[in-house]
Amino acid sequence: MKRYSIVRIGSEYVVQAGETSILKVSSRREADKLVVDAAELLQQEPVPSESEHPSIERQAPEVS
């Protein structure tokens, strides 16, 4: 898991993942929420790719 940090630069907050700045926001509260949301998303199970779950083929409607 990446390490997230929040750095204040002037009147803005920069969310960083490792050494990379990824987002700039205007409030500390918003930055905190984004870090929590990102951490929760990274803990979820990965979404299966389309090759693992092929799409259902549609049949053409019957014309009477």
PDB file of N, CA and C in Angstrom:
ATOM      1  N   MET A   1       0.836  -1.178   0.000  1.00  0.00           N
ATOM      2  CA  MET A   1       0.000   0.000   0.000  1.00  0.00           C
ATOM      3  C   MET A   1       0.877   1.235   0.000  1.00  0.00           C
ATOM      4  N   LYS A   2       0.469   2.211  -0.747  1.00  0.00           N
ATOM      5  CA  LYS A   2       1.220   3.467  -0.797  1.00  0.00           C
ATOM      6  C   LYS A   2       1.073   4.207   0.517  1.00  0.00           C
ATOM      7  N   ARG A   3       2.058   5.015   0.820  1.00  0.00           N
ATOM      8  CA  ARG A   3       1.983   5.890   1.983  1.00  0.00           C
ATOM      9  C   ARG A   3       1.488   7.242   1.512  1.00  0.00           C
ATOM     10  N   TYR A   4       0.428   7.699   2.119  1.00  0.00           N
ATOM     11  CA  TYR A   4      -0.149   8.991   1.777  1.00  0.00           C
ATOM     12  C   TYR A   4       0.276  10.020   2.803  1.00  0.00           C
ATOM     13  N   SER A   5       0.441  11.240   2.329  1.00  0.00           N
ATOM     14  CA  SER A   5       0.749  12.341   3.237  1.00  0.00           C
ATOM     15  C   SER A   5       0.064  13.589   2.715  1.00  0.00           C
ATOM     16  N   ILE A   6      -0.088  14.555   3.622  1.00  0.00           N
ATOM     17  CA  ILE A   6      -0.708  15.825   3.281  1.00  0.00           C
ATOM     18  C   ILE A   6       0.277  16.917   3.648  1.00  0.00           C
ATOM     19  N   VAL A   7       0.602  17.752   2.678  1.00  0.00           N
ATOM     20  CA  VAL A   7       1.572  18.822   2.876  1.00  0.00           C
ATOM     21  C   VAL A   7       0.879  20.159   2.619  1.00  0.00           C
ATOM     22  N   ARG A   8       1.079  21.092   3.524  1.00  0.00           N
ATOM     23  CA  ARG A   8       0.504  22.427   3.322  1.00  0.00           C
ATOM     24  C   ARG A   8       1.496  23.284   2.553  1.00  0.00           C
ATOM     25  N   ILE A   9       1.018  23.868   1.467  1.00  0.00           N
ATOM     26  CA  ILE A   9       1.828  24.774   0.654  1.00  0.00           C
ATOM     27  C   ILE A   9       1.020  26.053   0.501  1.00  0.00           C
ATOM     28  N   GLY A  10       1.451  27.098   1.177  1.00  0.00           N
ATOM     29  CA  GLY A  10       0.687  28.347   1.172  1.00  0.00           C
ATOM     30  C   GLY A  10      -0.647  28.125   1.850  1.00  0.00           C
ATOM     31  N   SER A  11      -1.736  28.434   1.151  1.00  0.00           N
ATOM     32  CA  SER A  11      -3.073  28.242   1.715  1.00  0.00           C
ATOM     33  C   SER A  11      -3.735  26.966   1.207  1.00  0.00           C
ATOM     34  N   GLU A  12      -2.983  26.127   0.492  1.00  0.00           N
ATOM     35  CA  GLU A  12      -3.541  24.901  -0.069  1.00  0.00           C
ATOM     36  C   GLU A  12      -2.863  23.680   0.530  1.00  0.00           C
ATOM     37  N   TYR A  13      -3.536  22.528   0.377  1.00  0.00           N
ATOM     38  CA  TYR A  13      -3.018  21.265   0.869  1.00  0.00           C
ATOM     39  C   TYR A  13      -2.780  20.342  -0.316  1.00  0.00           C
ATOM     40  N   VAL A  14      -1.630  19.699  -0.328  1.00  0.00           N
ATOM     41  CA  VAL A  14      -1.274  18.789  -1.413  1.00  0.00           C
ATOM     42  C   VAL A  14      -1.260  17.373  -0.848  1.00  0.00           C
ATOM     43  N   VAL A  15      -2.063  16.494  -1.463  1.00  0.00           N
ATOM     44  CA  VAL A  15      -2.077  15.084  -1.084  1.00  0.00           C
ATOM     45  C   VAL A  15      -0.989  14.395  -1.893  1.00  0.00           C
ATOM     46  N   GLN A  16      -0.135  13.650  -1.196  1.00  0.00           N
ATOM     47  CA  GLN A  16       0.963  12.951  -1.861  1.00  0.00           C
ATOM     48  C   GLN A  16       0.840  11.457  -1.626  1.00  0.00           C
ATOM     49  N   ALA A  17       1.184  10.676  -2.649  1.00  0.00           N
ATOM     50  CA  ALA A  17       1.294   9.225  -2.545  1.00  0.00           C
ATOM     51  C   ALA A  17       2.769   8.919  -2.733  1.00  0.00           C
ATOM     52  N   GLY A  18       3.411   8.529  -1.644  1.00  0.00           N
ATOM     53  CA  GLY A  18       4.857   8.370  -1.700  1.00  0.00           C
ATOM     54  C   GLY A  18       5.493   9.724  -1.915  1.00  0.00           C
ATOM     55  N   GLU A  19       6.301   9.854  -2.935  1.00  0.00           N
ATOM     56  CA  GLU A  19       6.965  11.120  -3.258  1.00  0.00           C
ATOM     57  C   GLU A  19       6.220  11.931  -4.319  1.00  0.00           C
ATOM     58  N   THR A  20       5.097  11.385  -4.824  1.00  0.00           N
ATOM     59  CA  THR A  20       4.385  12.021  -5.927  1.00  0.00           C
ATOM     60  C   THR A  20       3.205  12.842  -5.429  1.00  0.00           C
ATOM     61  N   SER A  21       3.149  14.106  -5.821  1.00  0.00           N
ATOM     62  CA  SER A  21       1.994  14.950  -5.518  1.00  0.00           C
ATOM     63  C   SER A  21       0.881  14.572  -6.473  1.00  0.00           C
ATOM     64  N   ILE A  22      -0.299  14.254  -5.910  1.00  0.00           N
ATOM     65  CA  ILE A  22      -1.367  13.779  -6.784  1.00  0.00           C
ATOM     66  C   ILE A  22      -2.601  14.671  -6.798  1.00  0.00           C
ATOM     67  N   LEU A  23      -2.757  15.524  -5.789  1.00  0.00           N
ATOM     68  CA  LEU A  23      -3.962  16.332  -5.741  1.00  0.00           C
ATOM     69  C   LEU A  23      -3.749  17.546  -4.863  1.00  0.00           C
ATOM     70  N   LYS A  24      -4.340  18.668  -5.259  1.00  0.00           N
ATOM     71  CA  LYS A  24      -4.252  19.896  -4.480  1.00  0.00           C
ATOM     72  C   LYS A  24      -5.666  20.313  -4.104  1.00  0.00           C
ATOM     73  N   VAL A  25      -5.920  20.557  -2.808  1.00  0.00           N
ATOM     74  CA  VAL A  25      -7.241  20.958  -2.334  1.00  0.00           C
ATOM     75  C   VAL A  25      -7.112  22.168  -1.416  1.00  0.00           C
ATOM     76  N   SER A  26      -8.240  22.790  -1.119  1.00  0.00           N
ATOM     77  CA  SER A  26      -8.197  24.032  -0.344  1.00  0.00           C
ATOM     78  C   SER A  26      -8.380  23.839   1.156  1.00  0.00           C
ATOM     79  N   SER A  27      -8.809  22.642   1.605  1.00  0.00           N
ATOM     80  CA  SER A  27      -9.005  22.462   3.046  1.00  0.00           C
ATOM     81  C   SER A  27      -8.369  21.171   3.540  1.00  0.00           C
ATOM     82  N   ARG A  28      -7.917  21.201   4.776  1.00  0.00           N
ATOM     83  CA  ARG A  28      -7.297  20.027   5.398  1.00  0.00           C
ATOM     84  C   ARG A  28      -8.335  18.908   5.547  1.00  0.00           C
ATOM     85  N   ARG A  29      -9.571  19.280   5.886  1.00  0.00           N
ATOM     86  CA  ARG A  29     -10.627  18.284   6.058  1.00  0.00           C
ATOM     87  C   ARG A  29     -10.876  17.523   4.764  1.00  0.00           C
ATOM     88  N   GLU A  30     -10.904  18.227   3.639  1.00  0.00           N
ATOM     89  CA  GLU A  30     -11.095  17.581   2.341  1.00  0.00           C
ATOM     90  C   GLU A  30      -9.918  16.656   2.012  1.00  0.00           C
ATOM     91  N   ALA A  31      -8.719  17.097   2.312  1.00  0.00           N
ATOM     92  CA  ALA A  31      -7.533  16.272   2.067  1.00  0.00           C
ATOM     93  C   ALA A  31      -7.574  15.004   2.912  1.00  0.00           C
ATOM     94  N   ASP A  32      -7.951  15.129   4.183  1.00  0.00           N
ATOM     95  CA  ASP A  32      -8.060  13.960   5.061  1.00  0.00           C
ATOM     96  C   ASP A  32      -9.069  12.957   4.512  1.00  0.00           C
ATOM     97  N   LYS A  33     -10.225  13.451   4.068  1.00  0.00           N
ATOM     98  CA  LYS A  33     -11.264  12.566   3.539  1.00  0.00           C
ATOM     99  C   LYS A  33     -10.781  11.837   2.290  1.00  0.00           C
ATOM    100  N   LEU A  34     -10.066  12.535   1.428  1.00  0.00           N
ATOM    101  CA  LEU A  34      -9.557  11.905   0.211  1.00  0.00           C
ATOM    102  C   LEU A  34      -8.553  10.797   0.522  1.00  0.00           C
ATOM    103  N   VAL A  35      -7.704  11.016   1.512  1.00  0.00           N
ATOM    104  CA  VAL A  35      -6.727   9.994   1.894  1.00  0.00           C
ATOM    105  C   VAL A  35      -7.439   8.764   2.455  1.00  0.00           C
ATOM    106  N   VAL A  36      -8.449   8.974   3.293  1.00  0.00           N
ATOM    107  CA  VAL A  36      -9.204   7.851   3.853  1.00  0.00           C
ATOM    108  C   VAL A  36      -9.918   7.086   2.742  1.00  0.00           C
ATOM    109  N   ASP A  37     -10.562   7.805   1.828  1.00  0.00           N
ATOM    110  CA  ASP A  37     -11.256   7.158   0.704  1.00  0.00           C
ATOM    111  C   ASP A  37     -10.295   6.344  -0.155  1.00  0.00           C
ATOM    112  N   ALA A  38      -9.130   6.891  -0.448  1.00  0.00           N
ATOM    113  CA  ALA A  38      -8.140   6.185  -1.273  1.00  0.00           C
ATOM    114  C   ALA A  38      -7.657   4.921  -0.569  1.00  0.00           C
ATOM    115  N   ALA A  39      -7.405   5.010   0.718  1.00  0.00           N
ATOM    116  CA  ALA A  39      -6.942   3.841   1.469  1.00  0.00           C
ATOM    117  C   ALA A  39      -8.006   2.745   1.474  1.00  0.00           C
ATOM    118  N   GLU A  40      -9.273   3.124   1.627  1.00  0.00           N
ATOM    119  CA  GLU A  40     -10.357   2.137   1.609  1.00  0.00           C
ATOM    120  C   GLU A  40     -10.475   1.476   0.241  1.00  0.00           C
ATOM    121  N   LEU A  41     -10.345   2.246  -0.817  1.00  0.00           N
ATOM    122  CA  LEU A  41     -10.431   1.676  -2.159  1.00  0.00           C
ATOM    123  C   LEU A  41      -9.300   0.686  -2.423  1.00  0.00           C
ATOM    124  N   LEU A  42      -8.116   0.994  -1.927  1.00  0.00           N
ATOM    125  CA  LEU A  42      -6.982   0.089  -2.136  1.00  0.00           C
ATOM    126  C   LEU A  42      -7.123  -1.214  -1.361  1.00  0.00           C
ATOM    127  N   GLN A  43      -7.925  -1.225  -0.304  1.00  0.00           N
ATOM    128  CA  GLN A  43      -8.117  -2.434   0.492  1.00  0.00           C
ATOM    129  C   GLN A  43      -9.193  -3.344  -0.071  1.00  0.00           C
ATOM    130  N   GLN A  44     -10.005  -2.843  -1.010  1.00  0.00           N
ATOM    131  CA  GLN A  44     -11.080  -3.651  -1.584  1.00  0.00           C
ATOM    132  C   GLN A  44     -10.516  -4.712  -2.516  1.00  0.00           C
ATOM    133  N   GLU A  45     -11.349  -5.730  -2.766  1.00  0.00           N
ATOM    134  CA  GLU A  45     -10.976  -6.775  -3.702  1.00  0.00           C
ATOM    135  C   GLU A  45     -10.871  -6.179  -5.106  1.00  0.00           C
ATOM    136  N   PRO A  46      -9.927  -6.653  -5.910  1.00  0.00           N
ATOM    137  CA  PRO A  46      -9.810  -6.132  -7.279  1.00  0.00           C
ATOM    138  C   PRO A  46     -11.033  -6.507  -8.111  1.00  0.00           C
ATOM    139  N   VAL A  47     -11.382  -5.647  -9.029  1.00  0.00           N
ATOM    140  CA  VAL A  47     -12.500  -5.892  -9.937  1.00  0.00           C
ATOM    141  C   VAL A  47     -12.025  -6.851 -11.014  1.00  0.00           C
ATOM    142  N   PRO A  48     -12.796  -7.921 -11.274  1.00  0.00           N
ATOM    143  CA  PRO A  48     -12.369  -8.870 -12.317  1.00  0.00           C
ATOM    144  C   PRO A  48     -12.353  -8.199 -13.689  1.00  0.00           C
ATOM    145  N   SER A  49     -11.402  -8.618 -14.503  1.00  0.00           N
ATOM    146  CA  SER A  49     -11.321  -8.044 -15.847  1.00  0.00           C
ATOM    147  C   SER A  49     -12.419  -8.640 -16.720  1.00  0.00           C
ATOM    148  N   GLU A  50     -12.675  -8.014 -17.855  1.00  0.00           N
ATOM    149  CA  GLU A  50     -13.719  -8.492 -18.756  1.00  0.00           C
ATOM    150  C   GLU A  50     -13.433  -9.894 -19.270  1.00  0.00           C
ATOM    151  N   SER A  51     -12.174 -10.260 -19.384  1.00  0.00           N
ATOM    152  CA  SER A  51     -11.844 -11.594 -19.887  1.00  0.00           C
ATOM    153  C   SER A  51     -12.270 -12.669 -18.893  1.00  0.00           C
ATOM    154  N   GLU A  52     -12.345 -12.323 -17.595  1.00  0.00           N
ATOM    155  CA  GLU A  52     -12.786 -13.293 -16.600  1.00  0.00           C
ATOM    156  C   GLU A  52     -14.300 -13.411 -16.571  1.00  0.00           C
ATOM    157  N   HIS A  53     -14.988 -12.347 -16.947  1.00  0.00           N
ATOM    158  CA  HIS A  53     -16.437 -12.337 -16.988  1.00  0.00           C
ATOM    159  C   HIS A  53     -16.882 -11.809 -18.353  1.00  0.00           C
ATOM    160  N   PRO A  54     -16.971 -12.689 -19.329  1.00  0.00           N
ATOM    161  CA  PRO A  54     -17.367 -12.209 -20.668  1.00  0.00           C
ATOM    162  C   PRO A  54     -18.770 -11.611 -20.627  1.00  0.00           C
ATOM    163  N   SER A  55     -18.985 -10.636 -21.473  1.00  0.00           N
ATOM    164  CA  SER A  55     -20.286  -9.981 -21.510  1.00  0.00           C
ATOM    165  C   SER A  55     -21.329 -10.932 -22.086  1.00  0.00           C
ATOM    166  N   ILE A  56     -22.552 -10.693 -21.726  1.00  0.00           N
ATOM    167  CA  ILE A  56     -23.656 -11.513 -22.229  1.00  0.00           C
ATOM    168  C   ILE A  56     -23.962 -11.064 -23.654  1.00  0.00           C
ATOM    169  N   GLU A  57     -24.051 -12.036 -24.543  1.00  0.00           N
ATOM    170  CA  GLU A  57     -24.336 -11.704 -25.935  1.00  0.00           C
ATOM    171  C   GLU A  57     -25.817 -11.384 -26.076  1.00  0.00           C
ATOM    172  N   ARG A  58     -26.113 -10.352 -26.815  1.00  0.00           N
ATOM    173  CA  ARG A  58     -27.505  -9.978 -27.058  1.00  0.00           C
ATOM    174  C   ARG A  58     -27.986 -10.639 -28.331  1.00  0.00           C
ATOM    175  N   GLN A  59     -29.201 -11.126 -28.287  1.00  0.00           N
ATOM    176  CA  GLN A  59     -29.800 -11.703 -29.479  1.00  0.00           C
ATOM    177  C   GLN A  59     -30.648 -10.651 -30.163  1.00  0.00           C
ATOM    178  N   ALA A  60     -30.674 -10.703 -31.471  1.00  0.00           N
ATOM    179  CA  ALA A  60     -31.507  -9.762 -32.230  1.00  0.00           C
ATOM    180  C   ALA A  60     -32.962 -10.062 -31.955  1.00  0.00           C
ATOM    181  N   PRO A  61     -33.799  -9.036 -31.795  1.00  0.00           N
ATOM    182  CA  PRO A  61     -35.215  -9.281 -31.537  1.00  0.00           C
ATOM    183  C   PRO A  61     -35.877  -9.941 -32.749  1.00  0.00           C
ATOM    184  N   GLU A  62     -36.861 -10.789 -32.441  1.00  0.00           N
ATOM    185  CA  GLU A  62     -37.583 -11.474 -33.508  1.00  0.00           C
ATOM    186  C   GLU A  62     -38.569 -10.488 -34.137  1.00  0.00           C
ATOM    187  N   VAL A  63     -38.638 -10.522 -35.456  1.00  0.00           N
ATOM    188  CA  VAL A  63     -39.571  -9.655 -36.175  1.00  0.00           C
ATOM    189  C   VAL A  63     -40.702 -10.521 -36.697  1.00  0.00           C
ATOM    190  N   SER A  64     -41.958 -10.163 -36.359  1.00  0.00           N
ATOM    191  CA  SER A  64     -43.094 -10.970 -36.841  1.00  0.00           C
ATOM    192  C   SER A  64     -43.739 -10.338 -38.056  1.00  0.00           C
TER     193      SER A  64
END
